[in-house]
C-alpha cells in the first residue's frame, strides 16, 4: 500500500513538473512572424492610383489605414504609376487606402501572405476630410505578442506529462498487484 502511494506521488510530481516546464517554455517562446499581405496598383494593368480623376503624381503617397482604429499601418510612394504596400496581418483585420491624405477607399480584408491588386480612384485632401496623422502600428512583440500559434514545445511537454502520468498509473497497478 505504501508503495502504491509513493508511486502515485511520483507520477503526480513528475506530471506537475512537466506541465510547469511546458508553461515556462511557452511563455518565453515567440511565434514566427506571419508573412505580410501585399496590396498594389499599376497603370500598366489599369489599377493605377487616380486622384480627382487624374493619375496621381509619381511622388504621391498611398497610405493604408486600419479600418477599425484609423491608425496608419503602411505607406508606399507611387513610382512610374505603380505602388506597393505591405501590411502585417496582426496590424489590422481590414484596411482602407488614401492618396496624399485625401478621401479613403472601401475596406479591404487582410489575409496573411496574400497579394491583392487595388484600383484607387479617390479625391484629394482639399476635396475630402483630411486623414488623421498617425505612425504605423508595428505590434507589441515579445511576451505581449499574441499572434501566431506559440512555441511547439508546449504540445511536446504536455505529451511527456501524459506519458509520465500513464507510467505512474501503470506503476501503481503493478505495485498493487504485487501487494495482493
N, C-alpha and C. Protein backbone atom coordinates (compact mmCIF):
# COMPACT_ATOMS: atom_id res chain seq x y z
N UNK A 1 0.82 -1.19 0.00
CA UNK A 1 0.00 0.00 0.00
C UNK A 1 0.87 1.26 0.00
N UNK A 2 1.96 1.22 0.76
CA UNK A 2 2.86 2.37 0.83
C UNK A 2 3.55 2.58 -0.50
N UNK A 3 3.87 1.47 -1.18
CA UNK A 3 4.50 1.58 -2.49
C UNK A 3 3.54 2.22 -3.49
N UNK A 4 2.27 1.90 -3.40
CA UNK A 4 1.27 2.46 -4.28
C UNK A 4 1.18 3.97 -4.10
N UNK A 5 1.15 4.41 -2.89
CA UNK A 5 1.08 5.85 -2.61
C UNK A 5 2.34 6.55 -3.09
N UNK A 6 3.49 5.93 -2.86
CA UNK A 6 4.76 6.53 -3.28
C UNK A 6 4.82 6.63 -4.80
N UNK A 7 4.42 5.57 -5.50
CA UNK A 7 4.42 5.60 -6.96
C UNK A 7 3.45 6.66 -7.48
N UNK A 8 2.31 6.74 -6.87
CA UNK A 8 1.31 7.75 -7.28
C UNK A 8 1.83 9.15 -7.06
N UNK A 9 2.48 9.39 -5.93
CA UNK A 9 3.06 10.72 -5.65
C UNK A 9 4.12 11.07 -6.68
N UNK A 10 4.96 10.10 -7.05
CA UNK A 10 5.99 10.36 -8.06
C UNK A 10 5.35 10.70 -9.40
N UNK A 11 4.32 9.98 -9.77
CA UNK A 11 3.65 10.23 -11.03
C UNK A 11 3.04 11.64 -11.06
N UNK A 12 2.40 12.03 -9.97
CA UNK A 12 1.80 13.36 -9.90
C UNK A 12 2.89 14.44 -9.91
N UNK A 13 3.97 14.22 -9.17
CA UNK A 13 5.05 15.21 -9.11
C UNK A 13 5.71 15.37 -10.47
N UNK A 14 5.97 14.27 -11.17
CA UNK A 14 6.60 14.37 -12.49
C UNK A 14 5.66 15.01 -13.50
N UNK A 15 4.38 14.71 -13.42
CA UNK A 15 3.40 15.35 -14.32
C UNK A 15 3.35 16.85 -14.07
N UNK A 16 3.34 17.26 -12.82
CA UNK A 16 3.32 18.68 -12.48
C UNK A 16 4.59 19.37 -12.97
N UNK A 17 5.73 18.70 -12.83
CA UNK A 17 7.00 19.29 -13.29
C UNK A 17 6.99 19.44 -14.81
N UNK A 18 6.49 18.45 -15.53
CA UNK A 18 6.43 18.54 -16.99
C UNK A 18 5.48 19.65 -17.43
N UNK A 19 4.36 19.79 -16.75
CA UNK A 19 3.42 20.86 -17.08
C UNK A 19 4.03 22.23 -16.78
N UNK A 20 4.73 22.36 -15.66
CA UNK A 20 5.39 23.63 -15.34
C UNK A 20 6.45 23.97 -16.38
N UNK A 21 7.21 22.98 -16.82
CA UNK A 21 8.22 23.21 -17.86
C UNK A 21 7.55 23.66 -19.15
N UNK A 22 6.43 23.04 -19.50
CA UNK A 22 5.71 23.43 -20.71
C UNK A 22 5.22 24.86 -20.63
N UNK A 23 4.69 25.26 -19.49
CA UNK A 23 4.18 26.62 -19.33
C UNK A 23 5.31 27.64 -19.39
N UNK A 24 6.43 27.34 -18.76
CA UNK A 24 7.57 28.28 -18.76
C UNK A 24 8.14 28.43 -20.16
N UNK A 25 8.34 27.33 -20.88
CA UNK A 25 8.91 27.43 -22.23
C UNK A 25 7.95 28.12 -23.19
N UNK A 26 6.65 27.90 -23.05
CA UNK A 26 5.71 28.56 -23.95
C UNK A 26 5.59 30.05 -23.63
N UNK A 27 5.81 30.46 -22.39
CA UNK A 27 5.73 31.88 -22.02
C UNK A 27 6.87 32.66 -22.67
N UNK A 28 8.02 32.03 -22.84
CA UNK A 28 9.17 32.73 -23.42
C UNK A 28 9.30 32.51 -24.91
N UNK A 29 8.46 31.70 -25.47
CA UNK A 29 8.52 31.41 -26.90
C UNK A 29 7.82 32.51 -27.68
N UNK A 30 8.30 32.72 -28.88
CA UNK A 30 7.68 33.71 -29.75
C UNK A 30 7.40 33.04 -31.08
N UNK A 31 6.19 33.17 -31.55
CA UNK A 31 5.81 32.57 -32.82
C UNK A 31 6.54 33.28 -33.96
N UNK A 32 6.82 32.55 -35.03
CA UNK A 32 7.45 33.20 -36.17
C UNK A 32 6.48 34.21 -36.77
N UNK A 33 6.99 35.29 -37.33
CA UNK A 33 6.09 36.30 -37.90
C UNK A 33 5.35 35.76 -39.13
N UNK A 34 4.11 36.21 -39.28
CA UNK A 34 3.31 35.83 -40.43
C UNK A 34 3.73 36.69 -41.62
N UNK A 35 3.67 36.15 -42.84
CA UNK A 35 4.02 36.98 -44.00
C UNK A 35 3.00 38.10 -44.18
N UNK A 36 3.44 39.27 -44.64
CA UNK A 36 2.50 40.39 -44.80
C UNK A 36 1.57 40.20 -46.00
N UNK A 37 0.45 40.90 -45.95
CA UNK A 37 -0.45 40.99 -47.09
C UNK A 37 0.09 42.13 -47.95
N UNK A 38 0.22 41.91 -49.25
CA UNK A 38 0.74 42.95 -50.13
C UNK A 38 -0.40 43.49 -51.00
N UNK A 39 -0.54 44.81 -50.99
CA UNK A 39 -1.51 45.49 -51.84
C UNK A 39 -0.72 46.28 -52.87
N UNK A 40 -1.21 46.31 -54.12
CA UNK A 40 -0.50 47.06 -55.15
C UNK A 40 -1.48 47.56 -56.20
N UNK A 41 -0.99 48.52 -56.98
CA UNK A 41 -1.73 49.04 -58.11
C UNK A 41 -0.74 49.49 -59.16
N UNK A 42 -1.13 49.42 -60.43
CA UNK A 42 -0.23 49.78 -61.52
C UNK A 42 -1.02 50.30 -62.71
N UNK A 43 -0.51 51.36 -63.34
CA UNK A 43 -1.17 51.89 -64.53
C UNK A 43 -1.10 50.88 -65.67
N UNK A 44 -0.08 50.02 -65.66
CA UNK A 44 0.08 49.01 -66.72
C UNK A 44 -1.07 48.02 -66.74
N UNK A 45 -1.64 47.71 -65.58
CA UNK A 45 -2.75 46.75 -65.51
C UNK A 45 -4.10 47.45 -65.34
N UNK A 46 -4.10 48.76 -65.40
CA UNK A 46 -5.35 49.51 -65.29
C UNK A 46 -5.79 49.76 -63.86
N UNK A 47 -4.89 49.56 -62.88
CA UNK A 47 -5.25 49.80 -61.49
C UNK A 47 -4.39 50.91 -60.88
N UNK A 48 -3.95 51.82 -61.69
CA UNK A 48 -3.16 52.93 -61.17
C UNK A 48 -3.98 53.79 -60.23
N UNK A 49 -3.30 54.55 -59.41
CA UNK A 49 -3.98 55.41 -58.43
C UNK A 49 -4.42 56.70 -59.11
N UNK A 50 -5.73 56.96 -59.03
CA UNK A 50 -6.29 58.19 -59.57
C UNK A 50 -6.64 59.12 -58.43
N UNK A 51 -6.28 60.38 -58.60
CA UNK A 51 -6.57 61.41 -57.61
C UNK A 51 -7.35 62.50 -58.32
N UNK A 52 -8.60 62.71 -57.92
CA UNK A 52 -9.52 63.66 -58.56
C UNK A 52 -9.69 63.34 -60.05
N UNK A 53 -9.72 62.03 -60.39
CA UNK A 53 -9.95 61.60 -61.76
C UNK A 53 -8.71 61.59 -62.63
N UNK A 54 -7.59 62.05 -62.14
CA UNK A 54 -6.33 62.09 -62.91
C UNK A 54 -5.31 61.15 -62.26
N UNK A 55 -4.35 60.61 -63.04
CA UNK A 55 -3.31 59.77 -62.43
C UNK A 55 -2.56 60.55 -61.35
N UNK A 56 -2.37 59.91 -60.22
CA UNK A 56 -1.65 60.56 -59.11
C UNK A 56 -0.19 60.75 -59.50
N UNK A 57 0.42 61.80 -58.97
CA UNK A 57 1.82 62.11 -59.25
C UNK A 57 2.72 60.99 -58.76
N UNK A 58 3.90 60.87 -59.42
CA UNK A 58 4.83 59.80 -59.07
C UNK A 58 5.35 59.89 -57.64
N UNK A 59 5.30 61.03 -57.01
CA UNK A 59 5.78 61.13 -55.62
C UNK A 59 4.63 61.11 -54.60
N UNK A 60 3.41 60.88 -55.07
CA UNK A 60 2.26 60.83 -54.16
C UNK A 60 2.40 59.62 -53.23
N UNK A 61 1.88 59.77 -52.02
CA UNK A 61 1.99 58.71 -51.01
C UNK A 61 0.64 58.03 -50.82
N UNK A 62 0.62 56.72 -50.99
CA UNK A 62 -0.56 55.91 -50.71
C UNK A 62 -0.39 55.38 -49.29
N UNK A 63 -1.42 55.56 -48.46
CA UNK A 63 -1.36 55.12 -47.06
C UNK A 63 -2.46 54.10 -46.81
N UNK A 64 -2.09 53.02 -46.11
CA UNK A 64 -3.06 52.01 -45.67
C UNK A 64 -3.40 52.31 -44.22
N UNK A 65 -4.71 52.40 -43.92
CA UNK A 65 -5.19 52.71 -42.58
C UNK A 65 -5.96 51.53 -42.03
N UNK A 66 -5.77 51.22 -40.77
CA UNK A 66 -6.58 50.20 -40.11
C UNK A 66 -8.02 50.69 -40.16
N UNK A 67 -8.91 49.91 -40.74
CA UNK A 67 -10.30 50.33 -40.92
C UNK A 67 -11.04 50.49 -39.60
N UNK A 68 -10.57 49.81 -38.55
CA UNK A 68 -11.25 49.88 -37.25
C UNK A 68 -10.72 51.00 -36.36
N UNK A 69 -9.40 51.20 -36.34
CA UNK A 69 -8.81 52.16 -35.40
C UNK A 69 -8.33 53.45 -36.04
N UNK A 70 -8.32 53.49 -37.36
CA UNK A 70 -7.84 54.65 -38.12
C UNK A 70 -6.35 54.93 -37.89
N UNK A 71 -5.57 53.91 -37.53
CA UNK A 71 -4.12 54.03 -37.41
C UNK A 71 -3.50 53.70 -38.76
N UNK A 72 -2.44 54.42 -39.13
CA UNK A 72 -1.71 54.10 -40.36
C UNK A 72 -0.94 52.80 -40.13
N UNK A 73 -1.09 51.85 -41.05
CA UNK A 73 -0.41 50.56 -40.91
C UNK A 73 0.54 50.27 -42.07
N UNK A 74 0.67 51.19 -43.00
CA UNK A 74 1.62 51.02 -44.10
C UNK A 74 1.53 52.18 -45.07
N UNK A 75 2.66 52.49 -45.73
CA UNK A 75 2.69 53.54 -46.74
C UNK A 75 3.54 53.09 -47.91
N UNK A 76 3.29 53.70 -49.04
CA UNK A 76 4.08 53.43 -50.24
C UNK A 76 3.98 54.62 -51.17
N UNK A 77 5.11 54.97 -51.79
CA UNK A 77 5.12 56.09 -52.75
C UNK A 77 4.84 55.55 -54.15
N UNK A 78 4.16 56.35 -54.92
CA UNK A 78 3.87 55.97 -56.31
C UNK A 78 5.11 56.27 -57.13
N UNK A 79 5.58 55.29 -57.89
CA UNK A 79 6.74 55.44 -58.77
C UNK A 79 6.40 54.82 -60.11
N UNK A 80 6.49 55.60 -61.17
CA UNK A 80 6.16 55.14 -62.52
C UNK A 80 4.75 54.56 -62.59
N UNK A 81 3.82 55.17 -61.86
CA UNK A 81 2.42 54.75 -61.88
C UNK A 81 2.14 53.49 -61.08
N UNK A 82 3.11 53.01 -60.33
CA UNK A 82 2.94 51.77 -59.56
C UNK A 82 3.18 52.05 -58.08
N UNK A 83 2.41 51.35 -57.24
CA UNK A 83 2.60 51.46 -55.80
C UNK A 83 2.46 50.09 -55.16
N UNK A 84 3.10 49.90 -54.00
CA UNK A 84 3.06 48.65 -53.26
C UNK A 84 3.11 48.95 -51.77
N UNK A 85 2.22 48.32 -51.01
CA UNK A 85 2.21 48.47 -49.55
C UNK A 85 2.10 47.07 -48.95
N UNK A 86 2.95 46.79 -47.97
CA UNK A 86 2.87 45.54 -47.22
C UNK A 86 2.26 45.84 -45.86
N UNK A 87 1.25 45.05 -45.50
CA UNK A 87 0.57 45.24 -44.22
C UNK A 87 0.62 43.93 -43.43
N UNK A 88 1.14 43.99 -42.21
CA UNK A 88 1.20 42.81 -41.35
C UNK A 88 -0.20 42.39 -40.96
N UNK A 89 -0.45 41.09 -40.96
CA UNK A 89 -1.77 40.56 -40.62
C UNK A 89 -2.17 40.88 -39.18
N UNK A 90 -1.19 41.05 -38.29
CA UNK A 90 -1.53 41.36 -36.90
C UNK A 90 -1.75 42.85 -36.68
N UNK A 91 -1.55 43.67 -37.70
CA UNK A 91 -1.74 45.11 -37.56
C UNK A 91 -3.19 45.54 -37.78
N UNK A 92 -3.94 44.76 -38.55
CA UNK A 92 -5.33 45.12 -38.85
C UNK A 92 -6.05 43.92 -39.44
N UNK A 93 -7.38 43.92 -39.33
CA UNK A 93 -8.15 42.86 -39.99
C UNK A 93 -8.63 43.33 -41.37
N UNK A 94 -8.71 44.65 -41.55
CA UNK A 94 -9.03 45.23 -42.85
C UNK A 94 -8.45 46.63 -42.92
N UNK A 95 -8.19 47.09 -44.14
CA UNK A 95 -7.58 48.42 -44.33
C UNK A 95 -8.36 49.21 -45.37
N UNK A 96 -8.24 50.52 -45.26
CA UNK A 96 -8.71 51.45 -46.29
C UNK A 96 -7.49 52.24 -46.75
N UNK A 97 -7.55 52.78 -47.96
CA UNK A 97 -6.41 53.49 -48.53
C UNK A 97 -6.74 54.95 -48.79
N UNK A 98 -5.71 55.80 -48.70
CA UNK A 98 -5.83 57.20 -49.09
C UNK A 98 -4.61 57.56 -49.93
N UNK A 99 -4.76 58.60 -50.73
CA UNK A 99 -3.64 59.13 -51.53
C UNK A 99 -3.39 60.54 -51.04
N UNK A 100 -2.19 60.79 -50.55
CA UNK A 100 -1.80 62.11 -50.02
C UNK A 100 -2.82 62.64 -49.02
N UNK A 101 -3.34 61.77 -48.15
CA UNK A 101 -4.24 62.18 -47.08
C UNK A 101 -5.63 62.55 -47.53
N UNK A 102 -6.01 62.21 -48.75
CA UNK A 102 -7.34 62.53 -49.27
C UNK A 102 -8.39 61.56 -48.78
N UNK A 103 -9.46 61.43 -49.56
CA UNK A 103 -10.56 60.54 -49.17
C UNK A 103 -10.07 59.10 -49.11
N UNK A 104 -10.87 58.28 -48.47
CA UNK A 104 -10.47 56.89 -48.26
C UNK A 104 -11.30 55.93 -49.11
N UNK A 105 -10.67 54.80 -49.42
CA UNK A 105 -11.33 53.76 -50.22
C UNK A 105 -12.26 52.93 -49.35
N UNK A 106 -12.94 52.00 -49.99
CA UNK A 106 -13.70 50.99 -49.26
C UNK A 106 -12.71 50.05 -48.56
N UNK A 107 -13.14 49.34 -47.53
CA UNK A 107 -12.22 48.44 -46.81
C UNK A 107 -11.84 47.19 -47.62
N UNK A 108 -10.62 46.74 -47.40
CA UNK A 108 -10.10 45.51 -47.98
C UNK A 108 -9.64 44.61 -46.84
N UNK A 109 -10.04 43.33 -46.84
CA UNK A 109 -9.63 42.43 -45.75
C UNK A 109 -8.15 42.08 -45.85
N UNK A 110 -7.55 41.82 -44.69
CA UNK A 110 -6.14 41.41 -44.61
C UNK A 110 -6.09 39.89 -44.47
N UNK A 111 -5.32 39.24 -45.32
CA UNK A 111 -5.07 37.81 -45.23
C UNK A 111 -3.56 37.63 -45.35
N UNK A 112 -2.97 37.05 -44.34
CA UNK A 112 -1.52 36.88 -44.31
C UNK A 112 -1.02 36.19 -45.57
N UNK A 113 -0.03 36.80 -46.22
CA UNK A 113 0.61 36.21 -47.39
C UNK A 113 -0.11 36.46 -48.71
N UNK A 114 -1.27 37.10 -48.71
CA UNK A 114 -2.00 37.35 -49.95
C UNK A 114 -1.41 38.53 -50.72
N UNK A 115 -1.74 38.57 -52.00
CA UNK A 115 -1.34 39.66 -52.89
C UNK A 115 -2.62 40.16 -53.55
N UNK A 116 -2.96 41.44 -53.35
CA UNK A 116 -4.21 41.99 -53.85
C UNK A 116 -3.94 43.23 -54.68
N UNK A 117 -4.47 43.24 -55.90
CA UNK A 117 -4.36 44.40 -56.77
C UNK A 117 -5.56 45.31 -56.50
N UNK A 118 -5.28 46.60 -56.27
CA UNK A 118 -6.32 47.55 -55.86
C UNK A 118 -6.32 48.75 -56.80
N UNK A 119 -7.47 49.06 -57.37
CA UNK A 119 -7.63 50.28 -58.17
C UNK A 119 -8.14 51.39 -57.25
N UNK A 120 -7.41 52.47 -57.17
CA UNK A 120 -7.82 53.60 -56.31
C UNK A 120 -8.26 54.76 -57.18
N UNK A 121 -9.45 55.28 -56.92
CA UNK A 121 -9.97 56.47 -57.59
C UNK A 121 -10.55 57.34 -56.49
N UNK A 122 -9.71 58.21 -55.93
CA UNK A 122 -10.06 58.97 -54.74
C UNK A 122 -10.00 60.47 -54.97
N UNK A 123 -10.52 61.21 -54.00
CA UNK A 123 -10.48 62.68 -54.05
C UNK A 123 -9.30 63.18 -53.22
N UNK A 124 -8.78 64.35 -53.62
CA UNK A 124 -7.65 64.94 -52.89
C UNK A 124 -8.09 65.46 -51.53
N UNK A 125 -7.11 65.81 -50.71
CA UNK A 125 -7.38 66.29 -49.36
C UNK A 125 -8.19 67.59 -49.38
N UNK A 126 -8.03 68.40 -50.39
CA UNK A 126 -8.78 69.65 -50.45
C UNK A 126 -10.26 69.40 -50.72
N UNK A 127 -10.60 68.24 -51.30
CA UNK A 127 -11.98 67.92 -51.60
C UNK A 127 -12.59 66.97 -50.58
N UNK A 128 -11.76 66.40 -49.70
CA UNK A 128 -12.24 65.45 -48.70
C UNK A 128 -11.71 65.85 -47.33
N UNK A 129 -12.23 65.20 -46.31
CA UNK A 129 -11.73 65.47 -44.96
C UNK A 129 -10.30 64.95 -44.86
N UNK A 130 -9.46 65.70 -44.18
CA UNK A 130 -8.07 65.28 -44.02
C UNK A 130 -8.00 64.05 -43.11
N UNK A 131 -7.10 63.17 -43.45
CA UNK A 131 -6.91 61.94 -42.65
C UNK A 131 -6.09 62.27 -41.40
N UNK A 132 -6.38 61.61 -40.29
CA UNK A 132 -5.58 61.84 -39.09
C UNK A 132 -4.16 61.33 -39.30
N UNK A 133 -3.21 62.03 -38.73
CA UNK A 133 -1.83 61.59 -38.86
C UNK A 133 -1.51 60.63 -37.73
N UNK A 134 -0.88 59.53 -38.08
CA UNK A 134 -0.52 58.51 -37.09
C UNK A 134 0.68 57.73 -37.59
N UNK A 135 1.43 57.20 -36.67
CA UNK A 135 2.54 56.34 -37.02
C UNK A 135 2.04 54.94 -37.26
N UNK A 136 2.71 54.18 -38.11
CA UNK A 136 2.27 52.80 -38.32
C UNK A 136 2.36 51.98 -37.04
N UNK A 137 1.40 51.09 -36.86
CA UNK A 137 1.40 50.19 -35.71
C UNK A 137 2.33 49.03 -36.02
N UNK A 138 3.40 48.88 -35.25
CA UNK A 138 4.38 47.84 -35.52
C UNK A 138 4.18 46.63 -34.64
N UNK A 139 3.14 46.60 -33.82
CA UNK A 139 2.88 45.46 -32.96
C UNK A 139 3.62 45.58 -31.65
N UNK A 140 3.27 44.72 -30.71
CA UNK A 140 3.88 44.81 -29.39
C UNK A 140 5.13 43.97 -29.28
N UNK A 141 5.17 42.84 -29.98
CA UNK A 141 6.33 41.96 -29.93
C UNK A 141 6.56 41.37 -28.56
N UNK A 142 7.55 40.53 -28.43
CA UNK A 142 7.95 39.97 -27.14
C UNK A 142 6.86 39.15 -26.49
N UNK A 143 6.83 39.20 -25.15
CA UNK A 143 5.90 38.38 -24.40
C UNK A 143 4.46 38.81 -24.57
N UNK A 144 4.23 40.09 -24.88
CA UNK A 144 2.86 40.58 -25.02
C UNK A 144 2.28 40.24 -26.39
N UNK A 145 3.09 39.73 -27.31
CA UNK A 145 2.62 39.43 -28.65
C UNK A 145 1.73 38.19 -28.64
N UNK A 146 0.48 38.33 -29.08
CA UNK A 146 -0.44 37.21 -29.06
C UNK A 146 -0.64 36.61 -30.44
N UNK A 147 0.14 37.03 -31.40
CA UNK A 147 -0.03 36.49 -32.74
C UNK A 147 0.62 35.13 -32.87
N UNK A 148 0.16 34.36 -33.82
CA UNK A 148 0.78 33.08 -34.10
C UNK A 148 0.27 31.98 -33.19
N UNK A 149 0.84 30.81 -33.34
CA UNK A 149 0.36 29.63 -32.63
C UNK A 149 1.19 29.27 -31.43
N UNK A 150 2.27 29.96 -31.17
CA UNK A 150 3.08 29.66 -29.99
C UNK A 150 4.20 28.69 -30.29
N UNK A 151 4.93 28.35 -29.26
CA UNK A 151 6.11 27.50 -29.37
C UNK A 151 5.71 26.04 -29.39
N UNK A 152 6.30 25.23 -30.26
CA UNK A 152 5.89 23.83 -30.35
C UNK A 152 6.30 22.98 -29.15
N UNK A 153 7.05 23.53 -28.19
CA UNK A 153 7.44 22.76 -27.02
C UNK A 153 6.26 22.49 -26.09
N UNK A 154 5.25 23.32 -26.13
CA UNK A 154 4.09 23.11 -25.26
C UNK A 154 3.41 21.77 -25.54
N UNK A 155 3.05 21.46 -26.79
CA UNK A 155 2.43 20.15 -27.02
C UNK A 155 3.38 19.00 -26.65
N UNK A 156 4.67 19.18 -26.91
CA UNK A 156 5.64 18.14 -26.57
C UNK A 156 5.69 17.92 -25.06
N UNK A 157 5.74 19.00 -24.28
CA UNK A 157 5.79 18.88 -22.83
C UNK A 157 4.49 18.29 -22.29
N UNK A 158 3.36 18.63 -22.87
CA UNK A 158 2.09 18.05 -22.43
C UNK A 158 2.04 16.55 -22.75
N UNK A 159 2.60 16.17 -23.89
CA UNK A 159 2.66 14.75 -24.23
C UNK A 159 3.55 14.00 -23.25
N UNK A 160 4.67 14.60 -22.89
CA UNK A 160 5.57 13.98 -21.91
C UNK A 160 4.86 13.85 -20.57
N UNK A 161 4.13 14.87 -20.17
CA UNK A 161 3.39 14.82 -18.91
C UNK A 161 2.37 13.69 -18.93
N UNK A 162 1.69 13.52 -20.06
CA UNK A 162 0.70 12.44 -20.17
C UNK A 162 1.37 11.07 -20.09
N UNK A 163 2.52 10.93 -20.74
CA UNK A 163 3.24 9.65 -20.70
C UNK A 163 3.71 9.34 -19.28
N UNK A 164 4.23 10.37 -18.60
CA UNK A 164 4.68 10.17 -17.22
C UNK A 164 3.50 9.78 -16.33
N UNK A 165 2.38 10.44 -16.52
CA UNK A 165 1.20 10.11 -15.71
C UNK A 165 0.73 8.68 -15.99
N UNK A 166 0.73 8.28 -17.25
CA UNK A 166 0.35 6.91 -17.58
C UNK A 166 1.34 5.91 -17.00
N UNK A 167 2.62 6.27 -17.02
CA UNK A 167 3.63 5.42 -16.41
C UNK A 167 3.40 5.27 -14.92
N UNK A 168 2.99 6.36 -14.27
CA UNK A 168 2.69 6.31 -12.84
C UNK A 168 1.49 5.42 -12.56
N UNK A 169 0.48 5.50 -13.41
CA UNK A 169 -0.70 4.64 -13.24
C UNK A 169 -0.30 3.18 -13.40
N UNK A 170 0.55 2.91 -14.41
CA UNK A 170 1.00 1.53 -14.62
C UNK A 170 1.81 1.05 -13.42
N UNK A 171 2.64 1.91 -12.85
CA UNK A 171 3.44 1.53 -11.68
C UNK A 171 2.54 1.25 -10.49
N UNK A 172 1.51 2.04 -10.34
CA UNK A 172 0.57 1.83 -9.23
C UNK A 172 -0.12 0.48 -9.40
N UNK A 173 -0.53 0.16 -10.63
CA UNK A 173 -1.20 -1.12 -10.87
C UNK A 173 -0.25 -2.29 -10.58
N UNK A 174 1.01 -2.16 -11.04
CA UNK A 174 1.98 -3.22 -10.80
C UNK A 174 2.21 -3.42 -9.32
N UNK A 175 2.35 -2.30 -8.59
CA UNK A 175 2.63 -2.43 -7.17
C UNK A 175 1.41 -2.96 -6.41
N UNK A 176 0.22 -2.61 -6.86
CA UNK A 176 -0.98 -3.12 -6.18
C UNK A 176 -1.17 -4.60 -6.46
N UNK A 177 -0.74 -5.04 -7.64
CA UNK A 177 -0.82 -6.46 -7.96
C UNK A 177 0.18 -7.27 -7.14
N UNK A 178 1.35 -6.67 -6.92
CA UNK A 178 2.38 -7.39 -6.16
C UNK A 178 2.06 -7.44 -4.67
N UNK A 179 1.25 -6.48 -4.18
CA UNK A 179 0.87 -6.45 -2.78
C UNK A 179 -0.11 -7.58 -2.48
N UNK A 180 -0.96 -7.88 -3.42
CA UNK A 180 -2.00 -8.91 -3.21
C UNK A 180 -1.39 -10.23 -3.13
